[in-house]
Amino acid sequence: MKSVTRSLRILEAVAQHQPVTVGELTKLFGLPKSTVQRTLVTLAEAGWLRANRRDTTRWEIGARVLAVRPAALQGSGLFVAAREPMIRLRDAVNETIHLTVPDALQCMVVVDRVDCDHAVRTYHAIGDTSPLHATATGRVILAHLPRQDVEELIARGLERFSDTTPAEPGELRAELDRIREDGYALNQNQYRLGVCALAAPVLDAGGAPLAAVAVSMPDSRFDADRVREWGDLVAGTAAEITGRLLSA
C-alpha cells in the first residue's frame, strides 16, 4: 500500500510541476533517486506518465490521465451546461461540434463531441489532444489567458504543423489580438491538413477561460464567405454555455 500511495503522490507532483526531472522529484520527496526512477518507469509503462518530447530527462503526464479526465467530466456542470447548446449548434450548421478543455499550457483535450450526419466529416475521439497555438480551440484559450502565460508558451517553442501554422511569436500575438476583437478563432488547415474549425471560449465569472466549443468541418465544405456567420454562431453557443454555468 505504501508503494501505491508513493506512486500517486509522485503522479500528482509530476502533474503540478511538469515537465520535471528525477532529481527535482528526489529533492521534493526526500526519496532515493533509484526509487523515484523506478516509480516513474512503472507509471510510464502503464501510460500514466511519459518522457517530455523535447527533453527526455523530464517527465510529464501521459495519455491515460488525459483519457480519464474527460470521463470524469461527464457528470460535471460544464458537461451538462454545454450539451444542449452543442446539439443546437450542430443542428444549425450540420457539422461536428467539439467541447475541449485546456490541460494547463500543455494541450487541449476533447471532452465531448456531437456528430453531424455527413458521410464525410471531421472526427476527434474523446480524450484526443491538440496543441494550443495551432488550433482554433487552443488559441481562444490563449487569447483569454494572462500575457505571461502566452509568453511562457512562446518561450517553449512553437511547432509548425503546416505552412499556415502561426509558429512565429509575432504572428501568434497578432492572431490572439484578432481573436479578442472578433470573439472567435479560425483554423484553416493550420494543424491538420484538410480540416477547418471555428471556436469560441467558455469563461468563468472572472473572465478566465474554462473550455472552448468548436464547429469543425472538412476543408472541402469550408466557405470563406460564411466565416462571420459561423463565428457568430459558435460565439453565441459559447456565451450560452457560459451563462448556463454562471446561473447554475
Protein backbone atom coordinates (compact mmCIF):
# COMPACT_ATOMS: atom_id res chain seq x y z
CA MET A 1 0.00 0.00 0.00
CA LYS A 2 2.88 2.36 0.71
CA SER A 3 4.15 1.89 -2.83
CA VAL A 4 0.71 2.73 -4.25
CA THR A 5 0.49 5.88 -2.13
CA ARG A 6 4.01 6.86 -3.19
CA SER A 7 3.16 6.34 -6.85
CA LEU A 8 0.06 8.52 -6.56
CA ARG A 9 1.99 11.27 -4.79
CA ILE A 10 4.67 11.22 -7.50
CA LEU A 11 1.98 11.27 -10.20
CA GLU A 12 0.38 14.31 -8.56
CA ALA A 13 3.78 16.02 -8.27
CA VAL A 14 4.52 15.48 -11.95
CA ALA A 15 1.11 16.93 -12.85
CA GLN A 16 1.85 20.00 -10.73
CA HIS A 17 5.45 20.63 -11.79
CA GLN A 18 5.69 19.10 -15.28
CA PRO A 19 7.99 18.75 -17.08
CA VAL A 20 10.05 17.66 -14.08
CA THR A 21 13.31 15.74 -13.62
CA VAL A 22 14.07 12.75 -11.40
CA GLY A 23 16.42 14.95 -9.39
CA GLU A 24 13.72 17.52 -8.72
CA LEU A 25 11.31 14.83 -7.54
CA THR A 26 14.02 13.26 -5.39
CA LYS A 27 14.54 16.57 -3.58
CA LEU A 28 10.80 17.12 -3.25
CA PHE A 29 10.09 13.78 -1.59
CA GLY A 30 13.44 13.02 0.06
CA LEU A 31 13.45 9.57 -1.54
CA PRO A 32 16.36 7.65 -3.09
CA LYS A 33 16.84 8.53 -6.75
CA SER A 34 16.55 4.85 -7.70
CA THR A 35 13.12 4.62 -6.02
CA VAL A 36 11.80 7.68 -7.82
CA GLN A 37 13.20 6.49 -11.15
CA ARG A 38 11.65 3.04 -10.72
CA THR A 39 8.26 4.57 -9.88
CA LEU A 40 8.40 6.86 -12.91
CA VAL A 41 9.23 3.99 -15.24
CA THR A 42 6.40 1.90 -13.84
CA LEU A 43 3.90 4.74 -14.29
CA ALA A 44 5.20 5.34 -17.82
CA GLU A 45 4.81 1.67 -18.75
CA ALA A 46 1.19 1.88 -17.62
CA GLY A 47 0.62 5.04 -19.71
CA TRP A 48 0.18 7.46 -16.81
CA LEU A 49 3.44 9.33 -17.48
CA ARG A 50 5.70 9.95 -20.47
CA ALA A 51 9.08 11.48 -21.19
CA ASN A 52 8.96 15.04 -22.49
CA ARG A 53 9.46 15.06 -26.28
CA ARG A 54 11.93 17.95 -26.23
CA ASP A 55 13.89 16.83 -23.14
CA THR A 56 13.65 13.12 -22.38
CA THR A 57 15.19 13.63 -18.92
CA ARG A 58 11.97 15.38 -17.89
CA TRP A 59 8.63 13.72 -17.15
CA GLU A 60 5.06 14.82 -17.82
CA ILE A 61 1.51 13.49 -17.66
CA GLY A 62 0.73 10.70 -20.12
CA ALA A 63 -2.20 9.89 -22.39
CA ARG A 64 -4.02 7.69 -19.88
CA VAL A 65 -4.52 10.59 -17.46
CA LEU A 66 -5.83 12.72 -20.32
CA ALA A 67 -8.23 9.95 -21.35
CA VAL A 68 -9.58 9.52 -17.81
CA ARG A 69 -10.16 13.23 -17.35
CA PRO A 70 -12.95 13.51 -19.96
CA ALA A 71 -14.78 10.57 -18.37
CA ALA A 72 -14.59 12.32 -15.00
CA LEU A 73 -16.19 15.40 -16.56
CA GLN A 74 -19.24 13.51 -17.83
CA GLY A 75 -21.30 14.45 -14.78
CA SER A 76 -19.77 17.88 -14.31
CA GLY A 77 -21.53 21.21 -14.56
CA LEU A 78 -19.59 22.04 -17.72
CA PHE A 79 -20.72 18.89 -19.50
CA VAL A 80 -24.35 19.40 -18.50
CA ALA A 81 -24.35 23.10 -19.41
CA ALA A 82 -22.73 22.51 -22.81
CA ARG A 83 -24.62 19.51 -24.14
CA GLU A 84 -27.89 21.09 -25.31
CA PRO A 85 -26.29 24.23 -26.82
CA MET A 86 -23.82 21.98 -28.70
CA ILE A 87 -26.68 19.95 -30.16
CA ARG A 88 -28.46 23.12 -31.31
CA LEU A 89 -25.25 24.39 -32.90
CA ARG A 90 -24.81 21.06 -34.71
CA ASP A 91 -28.38 21.29 -35.99
CA ALA A 92 -27.77 24.86 -37.20
CA VAL A 93 -24.62 24.12 -39.20
CA ASN A 94 -24.74 20.32 -39.68
CA GLU A 95 -21.07 19.96 -38.85
CA THR A 96 -19.24 18.25 -35.97
CA ILE A 97 -19.15 20.14 -32.67
CA HIS A 98 -16.37 19.60 -30.11
CA LEU A 99 -16.00 20.67 -26.50
CA THR A 100 -12.39 20.87 -25.30
CA VAL A 101 -10.67 21.87 -22.08
CA PRO A 102 -7.09 23.07 -21.56
CA ASP A 103 -4.59 20.87 -19.74
CA ALA A 104 -2.61 23.78 -18.28
CA LEU A 105 -0.35 25.05 -21.11
CA GLN A 106 0.30 21.53 -22.37
CA CYS A 107 -2.57 20.88 -24.77
CA MET A 108 -6.32 20.92 -25.38
CA VAL A 109 -8.30 17.76 -24.54
CA VAL A 110 -11.56 16.74 -26.26
CA VAL A 111 -14.20 16.02 -23.59
CA ASP A 112 -17.39 15.88 -25.68
CA ARG A 113 -18.45 15.68 -29.31
CA VAL A 114 -21.73 15.98 -31.23
CA ASP A 115 -21.55 14.45 -34.70
CA CYS A 116 -23.19 15.70 -37.88
CA ASP A 117 -24.89 13.42 -40.44
CA HIS A 118 -22.46 13.95 -43.34
CA ALA A 119 -20.81 10.78 -44.58
CA VAL A 120 -17.52 12.70 -44.71
CA ARG A 121 -16.89 14.62 -41.51
CA THR A 122 -14.13 15.52 -39.07
CA TYR A 123 -13.55 13.24 -36.11
CA HIS A 124 -11.67 13.61 -32.83
CA ALA A 125 -12.06 10.87 -30.23
CA ILE A 126 -12.89 11.79 -26.65
CA GLY A 127 -9.54 12.23 -24.93
CA ASP A 128 -7.71 13.34 -28.08
CA THR A 129 -5.21 16.14 -27.51
CA SER A 130 -4.03 19.02 -29.69
CA PRO A 131 -1.58 21.94 -29.34
CA LEU A 132 -2.82 25.32 -28.16
CA HIS A 133 -1.10 27.57 -30.68
CA ALA A 134 -2.03 25.58 -33.80
CA THR A 135 -5.77 25.12 -33.22
CA ALA A 136 -8.83 27.34 -33.01
CA THR A 137 -9.81 25.86 -29.64
CA GLY A 138 -6.34 26.39 -28.22
CA ARG A 139 -5.99 29.95 -29.47
CA VAL A 140 -9.29 31.12 -27.97
CA ILE A 141 -7.98 29.83 -24.63
CA LEU A 142 -4.64 31.62 -25.12
CA ALA A 143 -6.43 34.82 -26.09
CA HIS A 144 -8.03 34.95 -22.64
CA LEU A 145 -5.03 33.92 -20.55
CA PRO A 146 -2.62 36.37 -18.88
CA ARG A 147 0.11 37.60 -21.22
CA GLN A 148 2.78 35.93 -19.08
CA ASP A 149 1.21 32.53 -19.81
CA VAL A 150 1.28 33.23 -23.54
CA GLU A 151 4.91 34.29 -23.34
CA GLU A 152 5.75 31.12 -21.41
CA LEU A 153 4.21 29.03 -24.19
CA ILE A 154 6.10 31.01 -26.84
CA ALA A 155 9.37 30.56 -24.96
CA ARG A 156 9.00 26.78 -25.20
CA GLY A 157 8.94 26.99 -28.99
CA LEU A 158 6.01 26.87 -31.41
CA GLU A 159 5.93 23.76 -33.56
CA ARG A 160 4.91 24.17 -37.20
CA PHE A 161 2.35 21.62 -38.42
CA SER A 162 1.60 23.22 -41.79
CA ASP A 163 2.65 26.20 -43.90
CA THR A 164 -0.04 28.30 -42.21
CA THR A 165 0.57 27.37 -38.55
CA PRO A 166 1.20 30.59 -36.55
CA ALA A 167 4.65 29.44 -35.42
CA GLU A 168 6.28 32.88 -35.22
CA PRO A 169 5.80 34.75 -31.91
CA GLY A 170 4.67 37.98 -33.55
CA GLU A 171 2.25 36.13 -35.78
CA LEU A 172 0.68 34.32 -32.83
CA ARG A 173 0.39 37.50 -30.74
CA ALA A 174 -1.34 39.31 -33.64
CA GLU A 175 -3.73 36.38 -34.08
CA LEU A 176 -4.65 36.45 -30.39
CA ASP A 177 -5.39 40.19 -30.66
CA ARG A 178 -7.72 39.49 -33.56
CA ILE A 179 -9.49 36.72 -31.63
CA ARG A 180 -10.13 39.04 -28.69
CA GLU A 181 -11.63 41.58 -31.09
CA ASP A 182 -13.76 39.14 -33.10
CA GLY A 183 -14.81 36.81 -30.28
CA TYR A 184 -13.86 33.61 -32.10
CA ALA A 185 -10.85 31.88 -33.66
CA LEU A 186 -10.47 30.39 -37.13
CA ASN A 187 -8.29 27.42 -38.02
CA GLN A 188 -7.94 26.72 -41.73
CA ASN A 189 -5.56 23.80 -42.27
CA GLN A 190 -3.20 25.13 -39.58
CA TYR A 191 -2.99 21.89 -37.59
CA ARG A 192 -4.34 19.03 -39.67
CA LEU A 193 -4.44 19.45 -43.43
CA GLY A 194 -7.96 19.26 -44.81
CA VAL A 195 -9.58 20.27 -41.50
CA CYS A 196 -11.06 23.69 -40.68
CA ALA A 197 -12.66 24.89 -37.45
CA LEU A 198 -14.05 27.92 -35.68
CA ALA A 199 -14.05 28.13 -31.88
CA ALA A 200 -15.10 30.41 -29.04
CA PRO A 201 -14.31 30.36 -25.30
CA VAL A 202 -16.42 29.35 -22.33
CA LEU A 203 -15.48 31.68 -19.47
CA ASP A 204 -15.85 31.73 -15.70
CA ALA A 205 -17.22 34.65 -13.66
CA GLY A 206 -13.83 36.36 -13.71
CA GLY A 207 -13.38 36.04 -17.47
CA ALA A 208 -10.86 33.20 -17.29
CA PRO A 209 -11.23 30.50 -19.98
CA LEU A 210 -12.67 27.17 -18.82
CA ALA A 211 -13.22 25.46 -22.17
CA ALA A 212 -13.70 26.01 -25.88
CA VAL A 213 -16.56 24.98 -28.13
CA ALA A 214 -15.83 24.49 -31.83
CA VAL A 215 -17.51 23.70 -35.12
CA SER A 216 -15.24 21.53 -37.26
CA MET A 217 -15.53 20.60 -40.92
CA PRO A 218 -13.55 19.19 -43.86
CA ASP A 219 -11.80 21.82 -45.95
CA SER A 220 -13.99 20.76 -48.89
CA ARG A 221 -17.03 22.28 -47.14
CA PHE A 222 -15.30 25.39 -45.82
CA ASP A 223 -16.75 28.61 -47.26
CA ALA A 224 -14.82 31.82 -46.55
CA ASP A 225 -17.98 33.86 -47.16
CA ARG A 226 -19.65 32.16 -44.17
CA VAL A 227 -16.86 32.70 -41.63
CA ARG A 228 -18.61 35.60 -39.91
CA GLU A 229 -21.90 33.68 -39.80
CA TRP A 230 -20.26 30.56 -38.36
CA GLY A 231 -18.13 32.62 -35.99
CA ASP A 232 -21.18 34.41 -34.59
CA LEU A 233 -22.99 31.09 -34.13
CA VAL A 234 -20.15 29.43 -32.25
CA ALA A 235 -19.55 32.56 -30.16
CA GLY A 236 -23.24 32.65 -29.28
CA THR A 237 -23.14 28.99 -28.27
CA ALA A 238 -20.09 29.56 -26.06
CA ALA A 239 -21.79 32.57 -24.46
CA GLU A 240 -24.90 30.47 -23.77
CA ILE A 241 -22.81 27.77 -22.11
CA THR A 242 -21.05 30.42 -20.02
CA GLY A 243 -24.40 31.84 -18.97
CA ARG A 244 -25.76 28.43 -18.02
CA LEU A 245 -22.67 27.74 -15.91
CA LEU A 246 -22.84 31.07 -14.10
CA SER A 247 -26.54 30.71 -13.34
CA ALA A 248 -26.33 27.10 -12.15
